[in-house]
Amino acid sequence: MATGETGFDDVSFDLVSVQYHALKAGHDYGQYVRDADNAGRQDIADFFRKVMEEDSARAKQCHEFLKDLSGTSASGPAVS
């Protein structure tokens, strides 16, 4: 499996990256929901909640893939 500069296989790195960004965005969306609620825009707040749920599901799927890979030779530090 190809490895990047991190020493971990590309697929694991990619999954961790997507998971991180989905979780980070989900954290940020909480503020967006509050902003929309404070502006009286329930429709926009609901949109942000939906986006937050989608990112949460995306992060969970990455977690499941990483668990599947964790016991195999297809993840972890690259063998030189």
PDB file of N, CA and C in Angstrom:
ATOM      1  N   MET A   1       0.848  -1.170   0.000  1.00  0.00           N
ATOM      2  CA  MET A   1       0.000   0.000   0.000  1.00  0.00           C
ATOM      3  C   MET A   1       0.894   1.235   0.000  1.00  0.00           C
ATOM      4  N   ALA A   2       0.554   2.220  -0.769  1.00  0.00           N
ATOM      5  CA  ALA A   2       1.365   3.423  -0.872  1.00  0.00           C
ATOM      6  C   ALA A   2       1.392   4.165   0.460  1.00  0.00           C
ATOM      7  N   THR A   3       2.534   4.776   0.728  1.00  0.00           N
ATOM      8  CA  THR A   3       2.668   5.552   1.951  1.00  0.00           C
ATOM      9  C   THR A   3       3.037   6.975   1.616  1.00  0.00           C
ATOM     10  N   GLY A   4       2.548   7.871   2.452  1.00  0.00           N
ATOM     11  CA  GLY A   4       2.871   9.277   2.270  1.00  0.00           C
ATOM     12  C   GLY A   4       4.026   9.680   3.169  1.00  0.00           C
ATOM     13  N   GLU A   5       4.239  10.955   3.279  1.00  0.00           N
ATOM     14  CA  GLU A   5       5.347  11.477   4.067  1.00  0.00           C
ATOM     15  C   GLU A   5       5.155  11.255   5.559  1.00  0.00           C
ATOM     16  N   THR A   6       3.965  10.891   5.990  1.00  0.00           N
ATOM     17  CA  THR A   6       3.703  10.694   7.417  1.00  0.00           C
ATOM     18  C   THR A   6       4.227   9.375   7.926  1.00  0.00           C
ATOM     19  N   GLY A   7       4.515   8.449   7.029  1.00  0.00           N
ATOM     20  CA  GLY A   7       4.920   7.117   7.430  1.00  0.00           C
ATOM     21  C   GLY A   7       3.738   6.189   7.625  1.00  0.00           C
ATOM     22  N   PHE A   8       2.539   6.687   7.442  1.00  0.00           N
ATOM     23  CA  PHE A   8       1.340   5.861   7.516  1.00  0.00           C
ATOM     24  C   PHE A   8       0.784   5.703   6.110  1.00  0.00           C
ATOM     25  N   ASP A   9       0.057   4.608   5.919  1.00  0.00           N
ATOM     26  CA  ASP A   9      -0.488   4.394   4.582  1.00  0.00           C
ATOM     27  C   ASP A   9      -1.450   5.521   4.221  1.00  0.00           C
ATOM     28  N   ASP A  10      -1.540   5.776   2.931  1.00  0.00           N
ATOM     29  CA  ASP A  10      -2.349   6.881   2.437  1.00  0.00           C
ATOM     30  C   ASP A  10      -3.816   6.755   2.823  1.00  0.00           C
ATOM     31  N   VAL A  11      -4.368   5.558   2.778  1.00  0.00           N
ATOM     32  CA  VAL A  11      -5.790   5.374   3.073  1.00  0.00           C
ATOM     33  C   VAL A  11      -6.084   5.731   4.527  1.00  0.00           C
ATOM     34  N   SER A  12      -5.256   5.263   5.451  1.00  0.00           N
ATOM     35  CA  SER A  12      -5.461   5.600   6.867  1.00  0.00           C
ATOM     36  C   SER A  12      -5.331   7.101   7.081  1.00  0.00           C
ATOM     37  N   PHE A  13      -4.310   7.689   6.509  1.00  0.00           N
ATOM     38  CA  PHE A  13      -4.121   9.136   6.628  1.00  0.00           C
ATOM     39  C   PHE A  13      -5.331   9.879   6.086  1.00  0.00           C
ATOM     40  N   ASP A  14      -5.826   9.459   4.935  1.00  0.00           N
ATOM     41  CA  ASP A  14      -6.979  10.115   4.318  1.00  0.00           C
ATOM     42  C   ASP A  14      -8.209  10.000   5.205  1.00  0.00           C
ATOM     43  N   LEU A  15      -8.431   8.821   5.782  1.00  0.00           N
ATOM     44  CA  LEU A  15      -9.578   8.634   6.661  1.00  0.00           C
ATOM     45  C   LEU A  15      -9.465   9.495   7.912  1.00  0.00           C
ATOM     46  N   VAL A  16      -8.279   9.539   8.500  1.00  0.00           N
ATOM     47  CA  VAL A  16      -8.074  10.378   9.685  1.00  0.00           C
ATOM     48  C   VAL A  16      -8.303  11.840   9.331  1.00  0.00           C
ATOM     49  N   SER A  17      -7.845  12.248   8.179  1.00  0.00           N
ATOM     50  CA  SER A  17      -8.021  13.628   7.737  1.00  0.00           C
ATOM     51  C   SER A  17      -9.502  13.977   7.567  1.00  0.00           C
ATOM     52  N   VAL A  18     -10.237  13.118   6.885  1.00  0.00           N
ATOM     53  CA  VAL A  18     -11.671  13.370   6.694  1.00  0.00           C
ATOM     54  C   VAL A  18     -12.386  13.376   8.048  1.00  0.00           C
ATOM     55  N   GLN A  19     -12.018  12.437   8.914  1.00  0.00           N
ATOM     56  CA  GLN A  19     -12.646  12.377  10.234  1.00  0.00           C
ATOM     57  C   GLN A  19     -12.362  13.658  11.015  1.00  0.00           C
ATOM     58  N   TYR A  20     -11.134  14.106  11.036  1.00  0.00           N
ATOM     59  CA  TYR A  20     -10.772  15.330  11.743  1.00  0.00           C
ATOM     60  C   TYR A  20     -11.578  16.517  11.221  1.00  0.00           C
ATOM     61  N   HIS A  21     -11.599  16.678   9.919  1.00  0.00           N
ATOM     62  CA  HIS A  21     -12.289  17.836   9.341  1.00  0.00           C
ATOM     63  C   HIS A  21     -13.796  17.773   9.576  1.00  0.00           C
ATOM     64  N   ALA A  22     -14.367  16.580   9.543  1.00  0.00           N
ATOM     65  CA  ALA A  22     -15.796  16.441   9.817  1.00  0.00           C
ATOM     66  C   ALA A  22     -16.096  16.796  11.270  1.00  0.00           C
ATOM     67  N   LEU A  23     -15.253  16.336  12.201  1.00  0.00           N
ATOM     68  CA  LEU A  23     -15.466  16.650  13.609  1.00  0.00           C
ATOM     69  C   LEU A  23     -15.229  18.128  13.892  1.00  0.00           C
ATOM     70  N   LYS A  24     -14.213  18.699  13.293  1.00  0.00           N
ATOM     71  CA  LYS A  24     -13.922  20.123  13.479  1.00  0.00           C
ATOM     72  C   LYS A  24     -15.071  20.961  12.939  1.00  0.00           C
ATOM     73  N   ALA A  25     -15.539  20.621  11.760  1.00  0.00           N
ATOM     74  CA  ALA A  25     -16.653  21.363  11.172  1.00  0.00           C
ATOM     75  C   ALA A  25     -17.891  21.226  12.049  1.00  0.00           C
ATOM     76  N   GLY A  26     -18.143  20.028  12.542  1.00  0.00           N
ATOM     77  CA  GLY A  26     -19.291  19.825  13.409  1.00  0.00           C
ATOM     78  C   GLY A  26     -19.241  20.715  14.633  1.00  0.00           C
ATOM     79  N   HIS A  27     -18.062  20.894  15.177  1.00  0.00           N
ATOM     80  CA  HIS A  27     -17.886  21.787  16.323  1.00  0.00           C
ATOM     81  C   HIS A  27     -18.210  23.226  15.916  1.00  0.00           C
ATOM     82  N   ASP A  28     -17.704  23.646  14.769  1.00  0.00           N
ATOM     83  CA  ASP A  28     -17.952  25.004  14.287  1.00  0.00           C
ATOM     84  C   ASP A  28     -19.422  25.236  13.975  1.00  0.00           C
ATOM     85  N   TYR A  29     -20.099  24.216  13.446  1.00  0.00           N
ATOM     86  CA  TYR A  29     -21.506  24.371  13.088  1.00  0.00           C
ATOM     87  C   TYR A  29     -22.372  24.665  14.296  1.00  0.00           C
ATOM     88  N   GLY A  30     -21.953  24.217  15.469  1.00  0.00           N
ATOM     89  CA  GLY A  30     -22.712  24.545  16.676  1.00  0.00           C
ATOM     90  C   GLY A  30     -22.863  26.043  16.838  1.00  0.00           C
ATOM     91  N   GLN A  31     -21.787  26.785  16.554  1.00  0.00           N
ATOM     92  CA  GLN A  31     -21.868  28.247  16.628  1.00  0.00           C
ATOM     93  C   GLN A  31     -22.783  28.788  15.537  1.00  0.00           C
ATOM     94  N   TYR A  32     -22.729  28.183  14.364  1.00  0.00           N
ATOM     95  CA  TYR A  32     -23.583  28.638  13.270  1.00  0.00           C
ATOM     96  C   TYR A  32     -25.056  28.449  13.618  1.00  0.00           C
ATOM     97  N   VAL A  33     -25.367  27.334  14.266  1.00  0.00           N
ATOM     98  CA  VAL A  33     -26.748  27.081  14.698  1.00  0.00           C
ATOM     99  C   VAL A  33     -27.175  28.167  15.673  1.00  0.00           C
ATOM    100  N   ARG A  34     -26.327  28.464  16.642  1.00  0.00           N
ATOM    101  CA  ARG A  34     -26.662  29.507  17.626  1.00  0.00           C
ATOM    102  C   ARG A  34     -26.843  30.858  16.947  1.00  0.00           C
ATOM    103  N   ASP A  35     -25.971  31.173  15.991  1.00  0.00           N
ATOM    104  CA  ASP A  35     -26.097  32.444  15.269  1.00  0.00           C
ATOM    105  C   ASP A  35     -27.429  32.529  14.532  1.00  0.00           C
ATOM    106  N   ALA A  36     -27.796  31.459  13.851  1.00  0.00           N
ATOM    107  CA  ALA A  36     -29.065  31.454  13.108  1.00  0.00           C
ATOM    108  C   ALA A  36     -30.249  31.517  14.064  1.00  0.00           C
ATOM    109  N   ASP A  37     -30.172  30.778  15.179  1.00  0.00           N
ATOM    110  CA  ASP A  37     -31.235  30.847  16.184  1.00  0.00           C
ATOM    111  C   ASP A  37     -31.372  32.268  16.717  1.00  0.00           C
ATOM    112  N   ASN A  38     -30.245  32.889  17.029  1.00  0.00           N
ATOM    113  CA  ASN A  38     -30.271  34.261  17.557  1.00  0.00           C
ATOM    114  C   ASN A  38     -30.818  35.259  16.549  1.00  0.00           C
ATOM    115  N   ALA A  39     -30.652  34.966  15.268  1.00  0.00           N
ATOM    116  CA  ALA A  39     -31.168  35.838  14.211  1.00  0.00           C
ATOM    117  C   ALA A  39     -32.629  35.536  13.885  1.00  0.00           C
ATOM    118  N   GLY A  40     -33.188  34.544  14.578  1.00  0.00           N
ATOM    119  CA  GLY A  40     -34.576  34.188  14.315  1.00  0.00           C
ATOM    120  C   GLY A  40     -34.769  33.421  13.018  1.00  0.00           C
ATOM    121  N   ARG A  41     -33.727  32.787  12.514  1.00  0.00           N
ATOM    122  CA  ARG A  41     -33.802  32.057  11.253  1.00  0.00           C
ATOM    123  C   ARG A  41     -33.764  30.559  11.529  1.00  0.00           C
ATOM    124  N   GLN A  42     -34.919  30.036  11.930  1.00  0.00           N
ATOM    125  CA  GLN A  42     -35.038  28.616  12.244  1.00  0.00           C
ATOM    126  C   GLN A  42     -34.720  27.753  11.028  1.00  0.00           C
ATOM    127  N   ASP A  43     -35.089  28.225   9.839  1.00  0.00           N
ATOM    128  CA  ASP A  43     -34.817  27.462   8.624  1.00  0.00           C
ATOM    129  C   ASP A  43     -33.318  27.273   8.409  1.00  0.00           C
ATOM    130  N   ILE A  44     -32.553  28.325   8.667  1.00  0.00           N
ATOM    131  CA  ILE A  44     -31.105  28.237   8.504  1.00  0.00           C
ATOM    132  C   ILE A  44     -30.497  27.421   9.636  1.00  0.00           C
ATOM    133  N   ALA A  45     -31.002  27.597  10.852  1.00  0.00           N
ATOM    134  CA  ALA A  45     -30.520  26.790  11.988  1.00  0.00           C
ATOM    135  C   ALA A  45     -30.750  25.307  11.710  1.00  0.00           C
ATOM    136  N   ASP A  46     -31.914  24.985  11.177  1.00  0.00           N
ATOM    137  CA  ASP A  46     -32.205  23.583  10.834  1.00  0.00           C
ATOM    138  C   ASP A  46     -31.262  23.062   9.760  1.00  0.00           C
ATOM    139  N   PHE A  47     -30.942  23.910   8.781  1.00  0.00           N
ATOM    140  CA  PHE A  47     -29.983  23.531   7.745  1.00  0.00           C
ATOM    141  C   PHE A  47     -28.628  23.202   8.370  1.00  0.00           C
ATOM    142  N   PHE A  48     -28.148  24.075   9.269  1.00  0.00           N
ATOM    143  CA  PHE A  48     -26.864  23.827   9.922  1.00  0.00           C
ATOM    144  C   PHE A  48     -26.908  22.562  10.777  1.00  0.00           C
ATOM    145  N   ARG A  49     -28.023  22.307  11.423  1.00  0.00           N
ATOM    146  CA  ARG A  49     -28.160  21.070  12.205  1.00  0.00           C
ATOM    147  C   ARG A  49     -28.047  19.841  11.296  1.00  0.00           C
ATOM    148  N   LYS A  50     -28.685  19.928  10.132  1.00  0.00           N
ATOM    149  CA  LYS A  50     -28.624  18.820   9.175  1.00  0.00           C
ATOM    150  C   LYS A  50     -27.187  18.592   8.704  1.00  0.00           C
ATOM    151  N   VAL A  51     -26.495  19.671   8.389  1.00  0.00           N
ATOM    152  CA  VAL A  51     -25.109  19.572   7.943  1.00  0.00           C
ATOM    153  C   VAL A  51     -24.255  18.970   9.058  1.00  0.00           C
ATOM    154  N   MET A  52     -24.513  19.388  10.306  1.00  0.00           N
ATOM    155  CA  MET A  52     -23.767  18.861  11.446  1.00  0.00           C
ATOM    156  C   MET A  52     -24.003  17.358  11.593  1.00  0.00           C
ATOM    157  N   GLU A  53     -25.238  16.927  11.426  1.00  0.00           N
ATOM    158  CA  GLU A  53     -25.548  15.492  11.503  1.00  0.00           C
ATOM    159  C   GLU A  53     -24.843  14.716  10.401  1.00  0.00           C
ATOM    160  N   GLU A  54     -24.795  15.283   9.204  1.00  0.00           N
ATOM    161  CA  GLU A  54     -24.115  14.617   8.091  1.00  0.00           C
ATOM    162  C   GLU A  54     -22.627  14.469   8.364  1.00  0.00           C
ATOM    163  N   ASP A  55     -21.999  15.524   8.905  1.00  0.00           N
ATOM    164  CA  ASP A  55     -20.582  15.433   9.231  1.00  0.00           C
ATOM    165  C   ASP A  55     -20.346  14.450  10.362  1.00  0.00           C
ATOM    166  N   SER A  56     -21.241  14.392  11.322  1.00  0.00           N
ATOM    167  CA  SER A  56     -21.117  13.422  12.408  1.00  0.00           C
ATOM    168  C   SER A  56     -21.161  11.997  11.857  1.00  0.00           C
ATOM    169  N   ALA A  57     -22.080  11.756  10.936  1.00  0.00           N
ATOM    170  CA  ALA A  57     -22.183  10.437  10.306  1.00  0.00           C
ATOM    171  C   ALA A  57     -20.924  10.125   9.504  1.00  0.00           C
ATOM    172  N   ARG A  58     -20.381  11.130   8.838  1.00  0.00           N
ATOM    173  CA  ARG A  58     -19.156  10.954   8.054  1.00  0.00           C
ATOM    174  C   ARG A  58     -17.988  10.600   8.978  1.00  0.00           C
ATOM    175  N   ALA A  59     -17.873  11.282  10.105  1.00  0.00           N
ATOM    176  CA  ALA A  59     -16.799  10.989  11.064  1.00  0.00           C
ATOM    177  C   ALA A  59     -16.957   9.585  11.631  1.00  0.00           C
ATOM    178  N   LYS A  60     -18.187   9.191  11.911  1.00  0.00           N
ATOM    179  CA  LYS A  60     -18.427   7.846  12.439  1.00  0.00           C
ATOM    180  C   LYS A  60     -18.048   6.786  11.413  1.00  0.00           C
ATOM    181  N   GLN A  61     -18.374   7.013  10.147  1.00  0.00           N
ATOM    182  CA  GLN A  61     -18.015   6.047   9.106  1.00  0.00           C
ATOM    183  C   GLN A  61     -16.500   5.927   8.980  1.00  0.00           C
ATOM    184  N   CYS A  62     -15.806   7.048   9.060  1.00  0.00           N
ATOM    185  CA  CYS A  62     -14.337   6.997   9.040  1.00  0.00           C
ATOM    186  C   CYS A  62     -13.824   6.170  10.208  1.00  0.00           C
ATOM    187  N   HIS A  63     -14.400   6.376  11.382  1.00  0.00           N
ATOM    188  CA  HIS A  63     -14.000   5.629  12.574  1.00  0.00           C
ATOM    189  C   HIS A  63     -14.176   4.126  12.345  1.00  0.00           C
ATOM    190  N   GLU A  64     -15.290   3.750  11.756  1.00  0.00           N
ATOM    191  CA  GLU A  64     -15.545   2.328  11.485  1.00  0.00           C
ATOM    192  C   GLU A  64     -14.534   1.768  10.491  1.00  0.00           C
ATOM    193  N   PHE A  65     -14.242   2.521   9.439  1.00  0.00           N
ATOM    194  CA  PHE A  65     -13.232   2.067   8.477  1.00  0.00           C
ATOM    195  C   PHE A  65     -11.874   1.921   9.148  1.00  0.00           C
ATOM    196  N   LEU A  66     -11.505   2.874   9.987  1.00  0.00           N
ATOM    197  CA  LEU A  66     -10.216   2.807  10.675  1.00  0.00           C
ATOM    198  C   LEU A  66     -10.158   1.612  11.619  1.00  0.00           C
ATOM    199  N   LYS A  67     -11.268   1.314  12.284  1.00  0.00           N
ATOM    200  CA  LYS A  67     -11.299   0.119  13.124  1.00  0.00           C
ATOM    201  C   LYS A  67     -11.083  -1.127  12.289  1.00  0.00           C
ATOM    202  N   ASP A  68     -11.722  -1.193  11.130  1.00  0.00           N
ATOM    203  CA  ASP A  68     -11.559  -2.344  10.240  1.00  0.00           C
ATOM    204  C   ASP A  68     -10.107  -2.499   9.793  1.00  0.00           C
ATOM    205  N   LEU A  69      -9.454  -1.392   9.525  1.00  0.00           N
ATOM    206  CA  LEU A  69      -8.074  -1.427   9.049  1.00  0.00           C
ATOM    207  C   LEU A  69      -7.072  -1.663  10.170  1.00  0.00           C
ATOM    208  N   SER A  70      -7.416  -1.352  11.405  1.00  0.00           N
ATOM    209  CA  SER A  70      -6.437  -1.316  12.481  1.00  0.00           C
ATOM    210  C   SER A  70      -5.768  -2.648  12.776  1.00  0.00           C
ATOM    211  N   GLY A  71      -6.403  -3.739  12.515  1.00  0.00           N
ATOM    212  CA  GLY A  71      -5.790  -5.034  12.791  1.00  0.00           C
ATOM    213  C   GLY A  71      -5.152  -5.675  11.578  1.00  0.00           C
ATOM    214  N   THR A  72      -5.008  -4.913  10.506  1.00  0.00           N
ATOM    215  CA  THR A  72      -4.484  -5.495   9.281  1.00  0.00           C
ATOM    216  C   THR A  72      -3.145  -4.865   8.915  1.00  0.00           C
ATOM    217  N   SER A  73      -2.505  -5.449   7.965  1.00  0.00           N
ATOM    218  CA  SER A  73      -1.255  -4.883   7.468  1.00  0.00           C
ATOM    219  C   SER A  73      -1.525  -3.683   6.566  1.00  0.00           C
ATOM    220  N   ALA A  74      -2.805  -3.367   6.346  1.00  0.00           N
ATOM    221  CA  ALA A  74      -3.159  -2.252   5.472  1.00  0.00           C
ATOM    222  C   ALA A  74      -3.242  -0.932   6.224  1.00  0.00           C
ATOM    223  N   SER A  75      -2.836  -0.908   7.492  1.00  0.00           N
ATOM    224  CA  SER A  75      -2.848   0.344   8.231  1.00  0.00           C
ATOM    225  C   SER A  75      -1.647   0.426   9.148  1.00  0.00           C
ATOM    226  N   GLY A  76      -1.482   1.567   9.737  1.00  0.00           N
ATOM    227  CA  GLY A  76      -0.397   1.756  10.675  1.00  0.00           C
ATOM    228  C   GLY A  76       0.873   2.200   9.993  1.00  0.00           C
ATOM    229  N   PRO A  77       1.932   2.251  10.765  1.00  0.00           N
ATOM    230  CA  PRO A  77       3.192   2.737  10.199  1.00  0.00           C
ATOM    231  C   PRO A  77       3.620   1.900   8.998  1.00  0.00           C
ATOM    232  N   ALA A  78       4.134   2.590   8.039  1.00  0.00           N
ATOM    233  CA  ALA A  78       4.621   1.908   6.828  1.00  0.00           C
ATOM    234  C   ALA A  78       5.881   1.133   7.158  1.00  0.00           C
ATOM    235  N   VAL A  79       5.989  -0.005   6.562  1.00  0.00           N
ATOM    236  CA  VAL A  79       7.178  -0.834   6.732  1.00  0.00           C
ATOM    237  C   VAL A  79       8.192  -0.396   5.694  1.00  0.00           C
ATOM    238  N   SER A  80       9.369  -0.080   6.134  1.00  0.00           N
ATOM    239  CA  SER A  80      10.410   0.400   5.208  1.00  0.00           C
ATOM    240  C   SER A  80      10.975  -0.726   4.383  1.00  0.00           C
TER     241      SER A  80
END
